[in-house]
Protein backbone atom coordinates (compact mmCIF):
# COMPACT_ATOMS: atom_id res chain seq x y z
CA MET A 1 48.16 -43.13 -26.41
CA ASP A 2 46.96 -39.96 -24.80
CA ASN A 3 49.77 -38.45 -22.69
CA ARG A 4 47.28 -37.84 -19.86
CA THR A 5 47.01 -41.61 -19.36
CA LYS A 6 49.12 -43.27 -16.70
CA ILE A 7 49.80 -46.99 -17.10
CA VAL A 8 50.44 -49.22 -14.13
CA GLU A 9 50.88 -52.96 -13.81
CA LYS A 10 48.58 -55.30 -11.98
CA VAL A 11 49.71 -58.65 -10.59
CA PRO A 12 47.82 -61.46 -8.86
CA ASP A 13 47.28 -61.35 -5.12
CA ASN A 14 49.09 -64.67 -4.68
CA ILE A 15 52.29 -63.22 -6.08
CA SER A 16 54.41 -64.83 -3.36
CA ASP A 17 53.58 -68.25 -4.80
CA LEU A 18 54.75 -67.36 -8.30
CA PRO A 19 58.32 -67.91 -9.51
CA GLY A 20 60.02 -64.65 -10.17
CA THR A 21 60.98 -65.72 -13.71
CA ILE A 22 57.32 -66.01 -14.83
CA LEU A 23 55.77 -63.07 -13.03
CA LYS A 24 55.70 -60.83 -16.05
CA LYS A 25 53.37 -63.02 -18.10
CA HIS A 26 50.70 -62.62 -15.40
CA GLN A 27 50.73 -58.83 -15.70
CA LYS A 28 47.97 -56.74 -17.26
CA LYS A 29 47.53 -53.01 -17.77
CA PHE A 30 44.77 -50.57 -17.01
CA MET A 31 44.21 -46.80 -16.99
CA ILE A 32 43.59 -44.83 -13.81
CA THR A 33 43.24 -41.20 -14.97
CA ILE A 34 40.69 -38.94 -16.56
CA THR A 35 39.99 -39.37 -20.27
CA GLU A 36 39.71 -36.67 -22.93
CA GLU A 37 35.95 -37.22 -22.89
CA GLY A 38 35.89 -36.52 -19.15
CA ILE A 39 37.92 -33.36 -19.61
CA GLN A 40 35.46 -32.11 -22.22
CA GLU A 41 32.52 -32.96 -19.94
CA LYS A 42 34.02 -30.88 -17.13
CA ARG A 43 34.62 -27.92 -19.43
CA ARG A 44 31.10 -28.16 -20.89
CA ILE A 45 29.37 -28.10 -17.50
CA ALA A 46 31.58 -25.18 -16.40
CA LEU A 47 30.71 -23.20 -19.55
CA THR A 48 26.95 -23.74 -19.15
CA SER A 49 27.28 -22.39 -15.60
CA VAL A 50 28.81 -19.20 -16.99
CA GLY A 51 25.76 -18.79 -19.22
CA ALA A 52 23.35 -19.36 -16.35
CA ALA A 53 25.21 -16.84 -14.17
CA VAL A 54 25.09 -14.21 -16.92
CA PHE A 55 21.31 -14.57 -17.25
CA LEU A 56 20.61 -14.53 -13.49
CA THR A 57 22.87 -11.56 -12.80
CA GLY A 58 21.24 -9.43 -15.47
CA PHE A 59 17.69 -10.41 -14.53
CA LYS A 60 18.18 -9.75 -10.81
CA LEU A 61 19.97 -6.47 -11.40
CA ILE A 62 17.16 -5.10 -13.59
CA VAL A 63 14.40 -6.12 -11.16
CA GLY A 64 16.42 -4.95 -8.13
CA LEU A 65 16.95 -1.49 -9.62
CA LEU A 66 13.31 -1.19 -10.62
CA THR A 67 11.97 -2.21 -7.20
CA GLY A 68 14.72 -0.78 -4.96
CA SER A 69 14.94 -4.07 -3.04
CA LEU A 70 18.27 -4.50 -1.30
CA GLY A 71 17.55 -8.18 -0.96
CA ILE A 72 17.27 -8.57 -4.73
CA LEU A 73 20.21 -6.24 -5.37
CA SER A 74 22.34 -8.23 -2.96
CA GLU A 75 21.28 -11.33 -4.84
CA ALA A 76 22.26 -9.64 -8.12
CA LEU A 77 25.68 -8.85 -6.69
CA HIS A 78 25.91 -12.40 -5.37
CA SER A 79 25.07 -13.75 -8.84
CA GLY A 80 27.60 -11.30 -10.31
CA LEU A 81 30.27 -12.84 -8.13
CA ASP A 82 28.96 -16.27 -9.19
CA LEU A 83 29.56 -15.15 -12.77
CA VAL A 84 33.14 -14.24 -12.00
CA ALA A 85 33.54 -17.47 -10.06
CA ALA A 86 32.03 -19.50 -12.94
CA GLY A 87 34.49 -17.86 -15.30
CA ILE A 88 37.37 -18.71 -13.00
CA THR A 89 36.09 -22.26 -12.70
CA PHE A 90 35.93 -22.64 -16.48
CA LEU A 91 39.54 -21.49 -16.81
CA ALA A 92 40.58 -23.70 -13.91
CA VAL A 93 39.12 -26.92 -15.33
CA LYS A 94 40.47 -25.98 -18.74
CA TYR A 95 44.07 -25.85 -17.52
CA ALA A 96 44.09 -28.09 -14.43
CA ASP A 97 43.82 -31.32 -16.41
CA ARG A 98 46.88 -30.62 -18.52
CA PRO A 99 49.41 -33.44 -18.17
CA ALA A 100 52.58 -33.10 -16.11
CA ASP A 101 55.55 -31.50 -17.87
CA LYS A 102 59.16 -30.71 -17.10
CA ASP A 103 58.18 -27.55 -15.19
CA HIS A 104 55.17 -29.06 -13.38
CA ASN A 105 56.18 -32.61 -12.47
CA PHE A 106 52.98 -33.27 -10.48
CA GLY A 107 50.62 -31.85 -13.07
CA HIS A 108 48.49 -28.68 -12.88
CA GLY A 109 45.75 -29.89 -10.53
CA LYS A 110 46.34 -27.19 -7.89
CA ILE A 111 44.94 -24.63 -10.30
CA GLU A 112 41.51 -25.94 -9.23
CA ASN A 113 42.35 -25.47 -5.55
CA PHE A 114 43.69 -21.96 -6.16
CA SER A 115 40.56 -20.99 -8.12
CA ALA A 116 38.37 -22.20 -5.23
CA LEU A 117 40.34 -19.96 -2.86
CA ILE A 118 39.86 -16.96 -5.18
CA GLU A 119 36.12 -17.65 -5.30
CA THR A 120 36.05 -17.65 -1.50
CA PHE A 121 37.75 -14.25 -1.38
CA LEU A 122 35.28 -12.79 -3.88
CA LEU A 123 32.34 -14.04 -1.83
CA VAL A 124 33.75 -12.53 1.39
CA VAL A 125 34.13 -9.15 -0.34
CA THR A 126 30.54 -9.35 -1.53
CA CYS A 127 29.31 -10.11 1.96
CA GLY A 128 31.17 -7.09 3.33
CA TRP A 129 29.24 -4.77 1.00
CA ILE A 130 25.90 -6.46 1.77
CA VAL A 131 26.42 -6.17 5.53
CA TYR A 132 27.45 -2.50 5.23
CA GLU A 133 24.45 -1.53 3.12
CA ALA A 134 21.97 -3.54 5.19
CA ILE A 135 23.08 -1.93 8.46
CA ASN A 136 23.03 1.49 6.79
CA ARG A 137 19.40 0.99 5.76
CA LEU A 138 18.37 -0.37 9.15
CA VAL A 139 19.95 2.48 11.12
CA TYR A 140 20.50 5.57 8.99
CA LYS A 141 18.25 5.74 5.93
CA THR A 142 14.92 4.61 4.58
CA VAL A 143 14.46 3.30 1.05
CA GLU A 144 11.06 2.97 -0.52
CA LEU A 145 10.50 -0.53 -1.89
CA GLU A 146 8.11 -1.58 -4.58
CA VAL A 147 7.13 -5.24 -4.34
CA THR A 148 5.76 -6.44 -7.68
CA PHE A 149 5.08 -9.67 -9.52
CA TRP A 150 8.58 -9.48 -11.00
CA SER A 151 10.11 -9.29 -7.52
CA PHE A 152 8.86 -12.78 -6.81
CA ALA A 153 9.22 -14.03 -10.42
CA VAL A 154 12.95 -13.28 -10.58
CA MET A 155 13.60 -15.13 -7.30
CA GLY A 156 11.44 -18.09 -8.31
CA ILE A 157 13.19 -18.44 -11.66
CA SER A 158 16.52 -18.06 -9.87
CA ILE A 159 15.73 -20.97 -7.54
CA ILE A 160 14.79 -23.23 -10.47
CA ILE A 161 17.96 -22.42 -12.42
CA ASP A 162 20.21 -22.58 -9.33
CA TYR A 163 18.80 -25.96 -8.36
CA SER A 164 19.37 -27.35 -11.85
CA ARG A 165 22.93 -26.03 -12.07
CA SER A 166 23.96 -27.06 -8.57
CA ARG A 167 22.79 -30.63 -9.13
CA ALA A 168 24.57 -30.88 -12.50
CA LEU A 169 27.77 -29.36 -11.15
CA LYS A 170 27.77 -31.53 -8.04
CA ARG A 171 27.27 -34.67 -10.11
CA ILE A 172 30.28 -33.90 -12.34
CA ALA A 173 32.34 -32.68 -9.36
CA VAL A 174 31.82 -36.00 -7.58
CA LYS A 175 32.40 -37.98 -10.76
CA TYR A 176 35.81 -36.38 -11.38
CA ASP A 177 36.66 -35.25 -7.82
CA SER A 178 36.89 -31.63 -8.97
CA GLN A 179 37.13 -28.99 -6.24
CA ALA A 180 36.66 -26.17 -8.73
CA LEU A 181 33.35 -27.58 -9.95
CA GLU A 182 32.34 -28.36 -6.36
CA ALA A 183 33.00 -24.72 -5.43
CA ASP A 184 30.80 -23.65 -8.33
CA ALA A 185 28.08 -26.04 -7.18
CA LEU A 186 28.26 -24.50 -3.68
CA HIS A 187 27.81 -21.05 -5.19
CA PHE A 188 24.58 -22.07 -6.89
CA SER A 189 23.39 -24.01 -3.85
CA THR A 190 23.96 -20.95 -1.68
CA ASP A 191 21.89 -18.91 -4.12
CA ILE A 192 18.94 -21.25 -3.52
CA LEU A 193 19.01 -20.65 0.22
CA SER A 194 19.53 -16.91 -0.08
CA SER A 195 16.73 -16.63 -2.69
CA ILE A 196 14.31 -18.26 -0.28
CA VAL A 197 15.33 -15.78 2.42
CA VAL A 198 14.84 -12.86 0.05
CA ILE A 199 11.34 -14.10 -0.90
CA PHE A 200 10.48 -14.21 2.79
CA GLY A 201 11.75 -10.63 3.16
CA LEU A 202 9.65 -9.45 0.21
CA ILE A 203 6.53 -11.04 1.68
CA CYS A 204 7.17 -9.17 4.94
CA VAL A 205 7.71 -5.89 3.06
CA SER A 206 4.41 -6.35 1.22
CA PHE A 207 2.74 -6.35 4.66
CA GLY A 208 4.48 -3.13 5.67
CA TYR A 209 7.56 -4.50 7.44
CA ASP A 210 10.24 -2.70 5.45
CA TRP A 211 12.97 -3.68 7.89
CA ALA A 212 12.60 -7.27 6.70
CA ASP A 213 14.41 -6.55 3.42
CA PRO A 214 17.79 -5.52 4.90
CA VAL A 215 17.42 -8.23 7.54
CA ALA A 216 16.97 -10.74 4.73
CA ALA A 217 20.13 -9.36 3.11
CA LEU A 218 22.03 -9.88 6.38
CA ILE A 219 20.86 -13.49 6.52
CA VAL A 220 22.03 -13.95 2.93
CA ALA A 221 25.45 -12.59 3.90
CA ALA A 222 25.63 -14.93 6.91
CA ILE A 223 24.81 -17.97 4.74
CA VAL A 224 27.39 -17.02 2.12
CA LEU A 225 30.10 -16.41 4.75
CA TRP A 226 29.49 -19.77 6.33
CA ILE A 227 29.72 -21.62 3.01
CA SER A 228 32.75 -19.54 2.01
CA PHE A 229 34.62 -20.44 5.17
CA GLU A 230 34.12 -24.17 4.59
CA LEU A 231 35.14 -23.89 0.94
CA GLY A 232 38.13 -21.68 1.63
CA LYS A 233 39.43 -23.93 4.42
CA ARG A 234 39.38 -27.00 2.20
CA ALA A 235 41.05 -25.15 -0.69
CA PHE A 236 43.74 -23.77 1.63
CA ASP A 237 44.34 -27.23 3.14
CA MET A 238 45.05 -28.64 -0.30
CA LEU A 239 47.33 -25.78 -1.25
CA ILE A 240 49.49 -26.38 1.84
CA ASP A 241 49.48 -30.17 1.21
CA ARG A 242 47.39 -31.21 4.19
CA ALA A 243 46.90 -34.98 4.22
CA PRO A 244 43.38 -35.98 3.02
CA ASP A 245 41.07 -36.79 5.92
CA GLY A 246 40.61 -40.49 6.64
CA LEU A 247 43.15 -41.59 4.04
CA ASP A 248 45.41 -43.30 6.58
CA LYS A 249 42.52 -45.48 7.76
CA ARG A 250 41.63 -46.43 4.21
CA ILE A 251 45.24 -47.39 3.49
CA SER A 252 45.35 -49.42 6.71
CA GLU A 253 42.29 -51.42 5.64
CA ILE A 254 43.82 -52.07 2.21
CA MET A 255 47.13 -53.24 3.68
CA LYS A 256 45.35 -55.80 5.89
CA ASN A 257 44.42 -57.70 2.74
CA ILE A 258 47.99 -57.95 1.41
CA PRO A 259 49.69 -60.70 3.50
CA GLN A 260 52.98 -60.42 1.57
CA VAL A 261 53.53 -57.04 3.25
CA LEU A 262 54.91 -57.64 6.76
CA ASN A 263 54.75 -54.01 7.87
CA TRP A 264 54.36 -50.51 6.45
CA HIS A 265 55.22 -46.97 7.56
CA ASP A 266 56.05 -43.39 6.56
CA LEU A 267 52.79 -42.81 4.70
CA ARG A 268 52.76 -39.41 2.99
CA ALA A 269 49.83 -38.12 0.97
CA ARG A 270 48.57 -34.89 -0.56
CA LYS A 271 46.00 -33.76 -3.13
CA ALA A 272 46.32 -31.53 -6.17
CA GLY A 273 43.01 -31.02 -7.91
CA SER A 274 41.49 -34.48 -8.31
CA GLN A 275 44.83 -36.28 -8.07
CA VAL A 276 45.95 -37.93 -4.82
CA PHE A 277 49.70 -38.47 -4.49
CA ILE A 278 50.65 -41.26 -2.06
CA GLU A 279 54.09 -42.45 -0.94
CA MET A 280 54.88 -45.14 1.63
CA ASN A 281 57.42 -47.77 2.68
CA ILE A 282 56.59 -51.46 3.01
CA HIS A 283 58.52 -54.34 4.57
CA VAL A 284 58.82 -57.71 2.80
CA ASP A 285 60.64 -60.96 3.51
CA LYS A 286 64.39 -60.27 3.37
CA ASN A 287 65.01 -63.58 1.61
CA MET A 288 62.76 -62.58 -1.28
CA THR A 289 64.30 -61.77 -4.67
CA ILE A 290 64.46 -58.13 -5.77
CA GLU A 291 62.11 -58.92 -8.64
CA LYS A 292 59.50 -60.42 -6.33
CA ALA A 293 59.77 -57.52 -3.87
CA HIS A 294 59.35 -55.10 -6.77
CA MET A 295 56.23 -56.89 -8.00
CA ILE A 296 54.72 -56.89 -4.51
CA ALA A 297 55.25 -53.13 -4.42
CA HIS A 298 53.32 -52.95 -7.69
CA SER A 299 50.52 -55.08 -6.22
CA VAL A 300 50.24 -52.63 -3.33
CA GLU A 301 50.07 -49.72 -5.78
CA ASP A 302 47.34 -51.50 -7.74
CA ALA A 303 45.34 -52.30 -4.62
CA ILE A 304 45.43 -48.66 -3.55
CA THR A 305 44.54 -47.26 -7.00
CA GLU A 306 41.60 -49.62 -7.22
CA GLN A 307 40.17 -48.29 -3.93
CA ILE A 308 41.19 -44.62 -4.07
CA LYS A 309 40.11 -42.66 -7.12
CA HIS A 310 42.81 -40.81 -9.12
CA ALA A 311 45.60 -42.08 -6.87
CA ASN A 312 49.23 -41.85 -7.98
CA VAL A 313 51.19 -44.22 -5.76
CA ILE A 314 54.91 -44.79 -5.12
CA ILE A 315 55.90 -47.71 -2.91
CA HIS A 316 59.39 -48.32 -1.51
CA PRO A 317 60.03 -51.92 -0.40
CA GLU A 318 62.42 -52.69 2.45
CA PRO A 319 63.74 -56.06 3.75
CA ASP A 320 62.42 -57.31 7.07
């Protein structure tokens, strides 16, 4: 059996009605973690994003240098950072799904969260340069721009590729709850918005409004900074083990449907990559056998893992 696979036991909901001596023959097993096929799918989508970023960066850089458009050059730099980010994402998904070992008891999932934070930092640095150059052109110097067919062609092709990659990345990110792939999807989605802004700036320049190009670059920077803040905050929250939003309410709804549990408390939860680690205490009838209390704890674990994707649950039963 693949050592990435975690096996848990599932017992009937009416466990309290079953004699403790025959509980085990009602048990069945199921898998709750990512398969080798899923790991390969994540790596494949990350690698194709690297290829797309290489093409877009080179294309934009060539056209930007030929036309002198800061909007296109800022997009080239943005795509260059996307290339670095895509490379980081590929490495992150390659190593984050490694199974737990003696040195990393909770697995390697936080590599994805750390990579997302690095991508955020790279985007902020990029925005700093864009803002500096845009203000410099607006206030201190004038740059002659040449708006050609290729100026619009490169942005149009960019939008098509970015849309395709962002959709594909988002689909796989949701499927496997991968923050690294989600960060990559945000990069490409941001490129779509900024490309539209640059096209608008180029249209204005073609009518003689040269100031529109650096203004478009500033708008690109603002969009990227806003997305970067949201991405960075979520990555940082996971790195400092902030409890997932809304998880306590979901657990509360699950517990309402398990009558054998008289009370529950001390819920603790955190995320590492796609994995959610949950610990909590439950109260059961004090006259219940240890075996029956143990199996109820397993039924709670099963109920949670069925409702919460990639959950790793530890339940501690107490007498009431």
